[in-house]
Each structure stands twice: as structure tokens, then as C-alpha cells.
Amino acid sequence: MYPEEMCKPMREDLTSVGFVEMKTPEEVADILNKKEGTVLVMVNSVCGCAAGNARPAVKLASTFSPKPDVFATVFAGQDVGATAKAREYMSPFPPSSPSIALFKDGQLIHFIERHHIEGRSSQMIADNLKDAFTQAC
């Protein structure tokens, strides 16, 4: 588990633009069990591709219109129970950190795995999300 002092700025990178932190399995269930509306979930991470690509992409995506009703996040390696619970909703995809999931009416409809984040610019990832939002939101 990573020290909280190390993760705090990475958490605030998302919460400062309106992301809801899900730190417990119950908080994850409260948000992802809703059967109407759209939710984007970022599995945050300490890795470089989270800092350089994924977090900037989802922050940019949070400014789009249309956009999901809720932007939420769990922190892999920190919020272990919440991350495990979130990953249950992301099946059949294997655990991936960072990753980005889009849910509509309680169903996973779009997923960006780490290997689709690595080596891609934050703009490319944001454009991918914009297309998904246009179809789902």
C-alpha cells in the first residue's frame, strides 16, 4: 500500500475538478448500483501513465458536453477494498491501473485499459472518451 502523503496530490488532481472519491466498497456500490444515468470511473494509480496521460485526459473529459452525470475515482494500491469492488463492475476486463470505465444505467459500456493509455496522448484518450460520451450521455 502506498503512503497517503504520496497519493494525496494525485487524489486532489481529480477531486479538484469534481471527481467523487470512492474509498470504501460501500461507496462504490452506492454509485455503481444506480440503474439510471451515466458514471465515469477512473482507477487512479501512482504510475507515470496515470500522471502524464490518464488523469489529464479525464480532467479534460470532465469539461465536455455531453458528459456523464457523475465522475468518480478509486485509487489502486491505496483504497484496496474500494478498488476491488469497482473492478467487480468492470468484468470481464482484468484489473488494470490506471483504467477508465463508463457506465450507463448500471451497465459497463466503455472501458479503457492501461495498455490503451500507455503511449497515447491525453488528448487522444480524451477524444476517445468524447466519442463514448456522445453515444451514451
N, C-alpha and C. Protein backbone atom coordinates (compact mmCIF):
# COMPACT_ATOMS: atom_id res chain seq x y z
N MET A 1 0.84 -1.17 0.00
CA MET A 1 0.00 0.00 0.00
C MET A 1 0.90 1.24 0.00
N TYR A 2 0.51 2.21 -0.82
CA TYR A 2 1.28 3.44 -0.93
C TYR A 2 0.95 4.38 0.23
N PRO A 3 1.93 5.16 0.70
CA PRO A 3 1.65 6.11 1.77
C PRO A 3 0.69 7.20 1.29
N GLU A 4 -0.22 7.59 2.16
CA GLU A 4 -1.22 8.60 1.83
C GLU A 4 -0.57 9.92 1.42
N GLU A 5 0.55 10.27 2.05
CA GLU A 5 1.21 11.54 1.70
C GLU A 5 1.61 11.56 0.23
N MET A 6 1.98 10.41 -0.29
CA MET A 6 2.39 10.31 -1.68
C MET A 6 1.17 10.40 -2.62
N CYS A 7 0.06 9.84 -2.18
CA CYS A 7 -1.13 9.76 -3.03
C CYS A 7 -2.00 11.01 -2.99
N LYS A 8 -1.89 11.78 -1.93
CA LYS A 8 -2.78 12.93 -1.74
C LYS A 8 -2.80 13.88 -2.94
N PRO A 9 -1.64 14.29 -3.49
CA PRO A 9 -1.70 15.20 -4.65
C PRO A 9 -2.34 14.55 -5.87
N MET A 10 -2.17 13.23 -6.01
CA MET A 10 -2.75 12.52 -7.14
C MET A 10 -4.27 12.41 -6.99
N ARG A 11 -4.73 12.28 -5.76
CA ARG A 11 -6.17 12.28 -5.48
C ARG A 11 -6.74 13.67 -5.80
N GLU A 12 -6.07 14.70 -5.28
CA GLU A 12 -6.55 16.06 -5.44
C GLU A 12 -6.54 16.51 -6.90
N ASP A 13 -5.69 15.89 -7.70
CA ASP A 13 -5.66 16.20 -9.13
C ASP A 13 -7.05 15.96 -9.74
N LEU A 14 -7.75 14.94 -9.24
CA LEU A 14 -9.09 14.63 -9.75
C LEU A 14 -10.20 15.29 -8.93
N THR A 15 -10.09 15.25 -7.61
CA THR A 15 -11.17 15.82 -6.80
C THR A 15 -11.28 17.33 -7.00
N SER A 16 -10.19 17.97 -7.38
CA SER A 16 -10.22 19.43 -7.59
C SER A 16 -11.08 19.81 -8.80
N VAL A 17 -11.39 18.85 -9.67
CA VAL A 17 -12.25 19.13 -10.82
C VAL A 17 -13.59 18.42 -10.70
N GLY A 18 -13.92 17.96 -9.48
CA GLY A 18 -15.26 17.44 -9.24
C GLY A 18 -15.41 15.93 -9.16
N PHE A 19 -14.32 15.18 -9.24
CA PHE A 19 -14.44 13.74 -9.11
C PHE A 19 -14.81 13.38 -7.68
N VAL A 20 -15.68 12.40 -7.52
CA VAL A 20 -16.08 11.88 -6.23
C VAL A 20 -15.15 10.72 -5.89
N GLU A 21 -14.53 10.78 -4.72
CA GLU A 21 -13.67 9.67 -4.29
C GLU A 21 -14.52 8.57 -3.68
N MET A 22 -14.24 7.36 -4.10
CA MET A 22 -14.88 6.19 -3.52
C MET A 22 -13.79 5.45 -2.77
N LYS A 23 -13.81 5.54 -1.45
CA LYS A 23 -12.75 4.95 -0.63
C LYS A 23 -13.14 3.63 0.01
N THR A 24 -14.42 3.27 -0.04
CA THR A 24 -14.89 2.02 0.56
C THR A 24 -15.72 1.26 -0.45
N PRO A 25 -15.84 -0.06 -0.26
CA PRO A 25 -16.71 -0.84 -1.15
C PRO A 25 -18.16 -0.33 -1.13
N GLU A 26 -18.62 0.14 0.01
CA GLU A 26 -19.99 0.65 0.12
C GLU A 26 -20.18 1.91 -0.72
N GLU A 27 -19.19 2.78 -0.74
CA GLU A 27 -19.29 3.99 -1.56
C GLU A 27 -19.32 3.62 -3.04
N VAL A 28 -18.55 2.62 -3.43
CA VAL A 28 -18.56 2.15 -4.82
C VAL A 28 -19.95 1.62 -5.17
N ALA A 29 -20.50 0.77 -4.32
CA ALA A 29 -21.81 0.19 -4.57
C ALA A 29 -22.89 1.27 -4.64
N ASP A 30 -22.81 2.27 -3.77
CA ASP A 30 -23.80 3.35 -3.78
C ASP A 30 -23.85 4.05 -5.13
N ILE A 31 -22.70 4.25 -5.73
CA ILE A 31 -22.64 4.95 -7.01
C ILE A 31 -22.91 4.02 -8.19
N LEU A 32 -22.32 2.84 -8.19
CA LEU A 32 -22.42 1.97 -9.37
C LEU A 32 -23.65 1.08 -9.39
N ASN A 33 -24.39 1.00 -8.32
CA ASN A 33 -25.63 0.22 -8.33
C ASN A 33 -26.82 1.00 -8.87
N LYS A 34 -26.63 2.27 -9.15
CA LYS A 34 -27.72 3.08 -9.69
C LYS A 34 -28.06 2.58 -11.09
N LYS A 35 -29.33 2.43 -11.34
CA LYS A 35 -29.78 1.86 -12.61
C LYS A 35 -30.17 2.90 -13.65
N GLU A 36 -29.92 4.16 -13.35
CA GLU A 36 -30.13 5.18 -14.37
C GLU A 36 -29.06 6.23 -14.28
N GLY A 37 -28.73 6.77 -15.44
CA GLY A 37 -27.69 7.78 -15.51
C GLY A 37 -26.36 7.20 -15.96
N THR A 38 -25.39 8.10 -16.08
CA THR A 38 -24.06 7.71 -16.55
C THR A 38 -23.01 8.06 -15.50
N VAL A 39 -22.01 7.20 -15.40
CA VAL A 39 -20.92 7.36 -14.44
C VAL A 39 -19.60 7.02 -15.11
N LEU A 40 -18.63 7.90 -14.99
CA LEU A 40 -17.27 7.59 -15.42
C LEU A 40 -16.46 7.29 -14.16
N VAL A 41 -15.73 6.18 -14.18
CA VAL A 41 -14.87 5.81 -13.05
C VAL A 41 -13.43 5.71 -13.54
N MET A 42 -12.56 6.45 -12.89
CA MET A 42 -11.12 6.34 -13.16
C MET A 42 -10.49 5.55 -12.03
N VAL A 43 -9.80 4.47 -12.39
CA VAL A 43 -8.97 3.75 -11.43
C VAL A 43 -7.63 4.48 -11.45
N ASN A 44 -7.41 5.29 -10.43
CA ASN A 44 -6.22 6.12 -10.32
C ASN A 44 -5.03 5.26 -9.89
N SER A 45 -3.84 5.75 -10.15
CA SER A 45 -2.63 4.99 -9.89
C SER A 45 -1.45 5.95 -9.72
N VAL A 46 -0.38 5.45 -9.12
CA VAL A 46 0.82 6.26 -8.95
C VAL A 46 1.73 6.21 -10.17
N CYS A 47 1.42 5.40 -11.14
CA CYS A 47 2.32 5.22 -12.28
C CYS A 47 2.38 6.46 -13.17
N GLY A 48 3.41 6.52 -13.96
CA GLY A 48 3.62 7.66 -14.84
C GLY A 48 2.55 7.85 -15.88
N CYS A 49 1.97 6.75 -16.38
CA CYS A 49 0.94 6.92 -17.41
C CYS A 49 -0.36 7.46 -16.81
N ALA A 50 -0.55 7.29 -15.51
CA ALA A 50 -1.71 7.92 -14.86
C ALA A 50 -1.48 9.43 -14.80
N ALA A 51 -0.28 9.83 -14.41
CA ALA A 51 0.03 11.25 -14.26
C ALA A 51 0.11 11.96 -15.61
N GLY A 52 0.75 11.34 -16.58
CA GLY A 52 1.01 12.00 -17.85
C GLY A 52 -0.10 11.87 -18.87
N ASN A 53 -0.93 10.82 -18.74
CA ASN A 53 -1.91 10.55 -19.78
C ASN A 53 -3.34 10.46 -19.24
N ALA A 54 -3.57 9.56 -18.28
CA ALA A 54 -4.95 9.26 -17.86
C ALA A 54 -5.59 10.40 -17.07
N ARG A 55 -4.93 10.89 -16.03
CA ARG A 55 -5.56 11.97 -15.25
C ARG A 55 -5.79 13.22 -16.09
N PRO A 56 -4.81 13.67 -16.89
CA PRO A 56 -5.09 14.84 -17.73
C PRO A 56 -6.24 14.57 -18.71
N ALA A 57 -6.36 13.35 -19.21
CA ALA A 57 -7.43 13.02 -20.16
C ALA A 57 -8.80 13.10 -19.51
N VAL A 58 -8.94 12.51 -18.33
CA VAL A 58 -10.27 12.53 -17.69
C VAL A 58 -10.61 13.93 -17.18
N LYS A 59 -9.60 14.69 -16.79
CA LYS A 59 -9.86 16.07 -16.38
C LYS A 59 -10.39 16.87 -17.58
N LEU A 60 -9.78 16.70 -18.73
CA LEU A 60 -10.27 17.36 -19.93
C LEU A 60 -11.67 16.87 -20.27
N ALA A 61 -11.89 15.57 -20.16
CA ALA A 61 -13.19 14.99 -20.48
C ALA A 61 -14.29 15.52 -19.55
N SER A 62 -13.92 15.91 -18.35
CA SER A 62 -14.93 16.43 -17.42
C SER A 62 -15.50 17.77 -17.87
N THR A 63 -14.87 18.40 -18.86
CA THR A 63 -15.35 19.69 -19.38
C THR A 63 -16.23 19.53 -20.62
N PHE A 64 -16.35 18.32 -21.14
CA PHE A 64 -17.09 18.09 -22.37
C PHE A 64 -18.60 18.20 -22.16
N SER A 65 -19.30 18.40 -23.25
CA SER A 65 -20.75 18.33 -23.26
C SER A 65 -21.14 17.60 -24.54
N PRO A 66 -21.90 16.54 -24.44
CA PRO A 66 -22.43 15.93 -23.22
C PRO A 66 -21.32 15.25 -22.42
N LYS A 67 -21.66 14.95 -21.16
CA LYS A 67 -20.72 14.27 -20.29
C LYS A 67 -21.51 13.44 -19.27
N PRO A 68 -20.84 12.49 -18.61
CA PRO A 68 -21.53 11.67 -17.61
C PRO A 68 -22.09 12.50 -16.46
N ASP A 69 -23.08 11.92 -15.81
CA ASP A 69 -23.71 12.58 -14.66
C ASP A 69 -22.76 12.65 -13.47
N VAL A 70 -21.93 11.61 -13.34
CA VAL A 70 -21.03 11.51 -12.19
C VAL A 70 -19.63 11.14 -12.68
N PHE A 71 -18.64 11.81 -12.13
CA PHE A 71 -17.23 11.44 -12.33
C PHE A 71 -16.74 10.95 -10.98
N ALA A 72 -16.22 9.71 -10.94
CA ALA A 72 -15.80 9.11 -9.68
C ALA A 72 -14.44 8.46 -9.85
N THR A 73 -13.79 8.15 -8.72
CA THR A 73 -12.47 7.56 -8.77
C THR A 73 -12.21 6.66 -7.57
N VAL A 74 -11.43 5.63 -7.81
CA VAL A 74 -10.84 4.79 -6.76
C VAL A 74 -9.35 4.84 -6.97
N PHE A 75 -8.58 4.57 -5.91
CA PHE A 75 -7.13 4.64 -6.01
C PHE A 75 -6.53 3.27 -5.79
N ALA A 76 -6.01 2.67 -6.86
CA ALA A 76 -5.37 1.36 -6.78
C ALA A 76 -4.13 1.45 -5.91
N GLY A 77 -3.93 0.45 -5.06
CA GLY A 77 -2.77 0.44 -4.18
C GLY A 77 -2.96 1.28 -2.94
N GLN A 78 -4.12 1.91 -2.81
CA GLN A 78 -4.41 2.74 -1.64
C GLN A 78 -5.76 2.35 -1.06
N ASP A 79 -6.81 2.47 -1.86
CA ASP A 79 -8.17 2.12 -1.42
C ASP A 79 -8.47 0.71 -1.92
N VAL A 80 -7.85 -0.25 -1.28
CA VAL A 80 -7.83 -1.64 -1.78
C VAL A 80 -9.24 -2.21 -1.90
N GLY A 81 -10.04 -2.09 -0.85
CA GLY A 81 -11.40 -2.64 -0.88
C GLY A 81 -12.27 -1.98 -1.93
N ALA A 82 -12.19 -0.65 -2.01
CA ALA A 82 -12.99 0.09 -3.00
C ALA A 82 -12.56 -0.27 -4.41
N THR A 83 -11.26 -0.40 -4.62
CA THR A 83 -10.76 -0.74 -5.96
C THR A 83 -11.22 -2.14 -6.35
N ALA A 84 -11.14 -3.08 -5.43
CA ALA A 84 -11.59 -4.45 -5.71
C ALA A 84 -13.07 -4.46 -6.06
N LYS A 85 -13.87 -3.71 -5.32
CA LYS A 85 -15.31 -3.64 -5.58
C LYS A 85 -15.58 -3.02 -6.94
N ALA A 86 -14.89 -1.93 -7.26
CA ALA A 86 -15.08 -1.28 -8.56
C ALA A 86 -14.74 -2.24 -9.69
N ARG A 87 -13.68 -3.01 -9.50
CA ARG A 87 -13.27 -3.94 -10.55
C ARG A 87 -14.29 -5.06 -10.76
N GLU A 88 -15.08 -5.37 -9.75
CA GLU A 88 -16.16 -6.34 -9.94
C GLU A 88 -17.13 -5.84 -11.01
N TYR A 89 -17.39 -4.55 -11.03
CA TYR A 89 -18.31 -3.97 -12.00
C TYR A 89 -17.67 -3.87 -13.39
N MET A 90 -16.34 -3.99 -13.45
CA MET A 90 -15.62 -3.84 -14.71
C MET A 90 -15.35 -5.17 -15.41
N SER A 91 -15.91 -6.23 -14.88
CA SER A 91 -15.78 -7.54 -15.50
C SER A 91 -16.41 -7.48 -16.89
N PRO A 92 -15.85 -8.11 -17.87
CA PRO A 92 -14.85 -9.18 -17.88
C PRO A 92 -13.41 -8.69 -18.03
N PHE A 93 -13.20 -7.39 -17.93
CA PHE A 93 -11.84 -6.87 -18.10
C PHE A 93 -10.99 -7.21 -16.89
N PRO A 94 -9.73 -7.58 -17.12
CA PRO A 94 -8.84 -7.87 -15.98
C PRO A 94 -8.45 -6.58 -15.27
N PRO A 95 -8.00 -6.68 -14.01
CA PRO A 95 -7.56 -5.49 -13.29
C PRO A 95 -6.52 -4.72 -14.10
N SER A 96 -6.69 -3.41 -14.12
CA SER A 96 -5.82 -2.55 -14.90
C SER A 96 -5.73 -1.21 -14.19
N SER A 97 -4.50 -0.77 -13.95
CA SER A 97 -4.29 0.52 -13.29
C SER A 97 -3.24 1.31 -14.05
N PRO A 98 -3.58 2.47 -14.51
CA PRO A 98 -4.88 3.10 -14.44
C PRO A 98 -5.83 2.50 -15.47
N SER A 99 -7.08 2.81 -15.32
CA SER A 99 -8.09 2.45 -16.31
C SER A 99 -9.26 3.41 -16.15
N ILE A 100 -10.11 3.41 -17.17
CA ILE A 100 -11.25 4.32 -17.20
C ILE A 100 -12.47 3.54 -17.67
N ALA A 101 -13.53 3.60 -16.89
CA ALA A 101 -14.75 2.85 -17.22
C ALA A 101 -15.93 3.82 -17.31
N LEU A 102 -16.79 3.57 -18.29
CA LEU A 102 -18.01 4.36 -18.44
C LEU A 102 -19.20 3.42 -18.27
N PHE A 103 -20.11 3.80 -17.38
CA PHE A 103 -21.31 3.02 -17.09
C PHE A 103 -22.54 3.82 -17.49
N LYS A 104 -23.53 3.11 -18.04
CA LYS A 104 -24.82 3.73 -18.34
C LYS A 104 -25.91 2.83 -17.79
N ASP A 105 -26.77 3.41 -17.00
CA ASP A 105 -27.88 2.67 -16.40
C ASP A 105 -27.40 1.40 -15.70
N GLY A 106 -26.27 1.52 -15.02
CA GLY A 106 -25.73 0.41 -14.24
C GLY A 106 -24.93 -0.62 -15.02
N GLN A 107 -24.74 -0.40 -16.32
CA GLN A 107 -24.02 -1.36 -17.15
C GLN A 107 -22.72 -0.75 -17.69
N LEU A 108 -21.65 -1.53 -17.68
CA LEU A 108 -20.39 -1.10 -18.27
C LEU A 108 -20.56 -1.03 -19.78
N ILE A 109 -20.28 0.13 -20.36
CA ILE A 109 -20.45 0.28 -21.81
C ILE A 109 -19.17 0.66 -22.54
N HIS A 110 -18.16 1.11 -21.80
CA HIS A 110 -16.90 1.51 -22.44
C HIS A 110 -15.79 1.35 -21.42
N PHE A 111 -14.64 0.83 -21.86
CA PHE A 111 -13.54 0.59 -20.93
C PHE A 111 -12.22 0.86 -21.63
N ILE A 112 -11.37 1.61 -20.97
CA ILE A 112 -10.03 1.90 -21.49
C ILE A 112 -9.03 1.30 -20.52
N GLU A 113 -8.33 0.27 -20.99
CA GLU A 113 -7.34 -0.42 -20.17
C GLU A 113 -5.99 0.31 -20.22
N ARG A 114 -5.13 -0.07 -19.29
CA ARG A 114 -3.81 0.55 -19.21
C ARG A 114 -3.07 0.48 -20.54
N HIS A 115 -3.15 -0.65 -21.24
CA HIS A 115 -2.40 -0.74 -22.50
C HIS A 115 -2.98 0.16 -23.59
N HIS A 116 -4.19 0.70 -23.37
CA HIS A 116 -4.74 1.70 -24.28
C HIS A 116 -4.44 3.13 -23.81
N ILE A 117 -3.82 3.23 -22.63
CA ILE A 117 -3.43 4.52 -22.08
C ILE A 117 -1.94 4.77 -22.33
N GLU A 118 -1.15 3.74 -22.10
CA GLU A 118 0.30 3.86 -22.30
C GLU A 118 0.61 4.21 -23.75
N GLY A 119 1.46 5.19 -23.93
CA GLY A 119 1.91 5.56 -25.27
C GLY A 119 0.92 6.41 -26.05
N ARG A 120 -0.20 6.76 -25.44
CA ARG A 120 -1.16 7.62 -26.11
C ARG A 120 -1.21 8.95 -25.38
N SER A 121 -1.45 9.99 -26.12
CA SER A 121 -1.50 11.32 -25.51
C SER A 121 -2.80 11.47 -24.72
N SER A 122 -2.79 12.40 -23.79
CA SER A 122 -4.02 12.67 -23.04
C SER A 122 -5.12 13.16 -23.98
N GLN A 123 -4.75 13.88 -25.02
CA GLN A 123 -5.76 14.34 -25.98
C GLN A 123 -6.39 13.17 -26.73
N MET A 124 -5.60 12.18 -27.11
CA MET A 124 -6.15 11.00 -27.79
C MET A 124 -7.13 10.25 -26.89
N ILE A 125 -6.78 10.11 -25.62
CA ILE A 125 -7.64 9.42 -24.67
C ILE A 125 -8.92 10.23 -24.45
N ALA A 126 -8.78 11.54 -24.30
CA ALA A 126 -9.95 12.41 -24.12
C ALA A 126 -10.86 12.34 -25.35
N ASP A 127 -10.30 12.30 -26.54
CA ASP A 127 -11.10 12.20 -27.75
C ASP A 127 -11.88 10.88 -27.77
N ASN A 128 -11.24 9.81 -27.32
CA ASN A 128 -11.90 8.51 -27.22
C ASN A 128 -13.09 8.64 -26.27
N LEU A 129 -12.89 9.28 -25.13
CA LEU A 129 -13.97 9.46 -24.16
C LEU A 129 -15.07 10.35 -24.73
N LYS A 130 -14.68 11.39 -25.46
CA LYS A 130 -15.69 12.30 -26.06
C LYS A 130 -16.63 11.52 -26.98
N ASP A 131 -16.07 10.63 -27.78
CA ASP A 131 -16.90 9.80 -28.66
C ASP A 131 -17.84 8.92 -27.85
N ALA A 132 -17.34 8.33 -26.77
CA ALA A 132 -18.17 7.49 -25.91
C ALA A 132 -19.27 8.31 -25.25
N PHE A 133 -18.95 9.52 -24.81
CA PHE A 133 -19.94 10.38 -24.16
C PHE A 133 -21.03 10.77 -25.16
N THR A 134 -20.63 11.06 -26.39
CA THR A 134 -21.60 11.45 -27.42
C THR A 134 -22.63 10.35 -27.65
N GLN A 135 -22.18 9.11 -27.59
CA GLN A 135 -23.08 7.98 -27.79
C GLN A 135 -23.92 7.66 -26.56
N ALA A 136 -23.37 7.88 -25.36
CA ALA A 136 -24.02 7.40 -24.14
C ALA A 136 -24.73 8.46 -23.31
N CYS A 137 -24.31 9.71 -23.44
CA CYS A 137 -24.81 10.72 -22.49
C CYS A 137 -25.87 11.63 -23.09
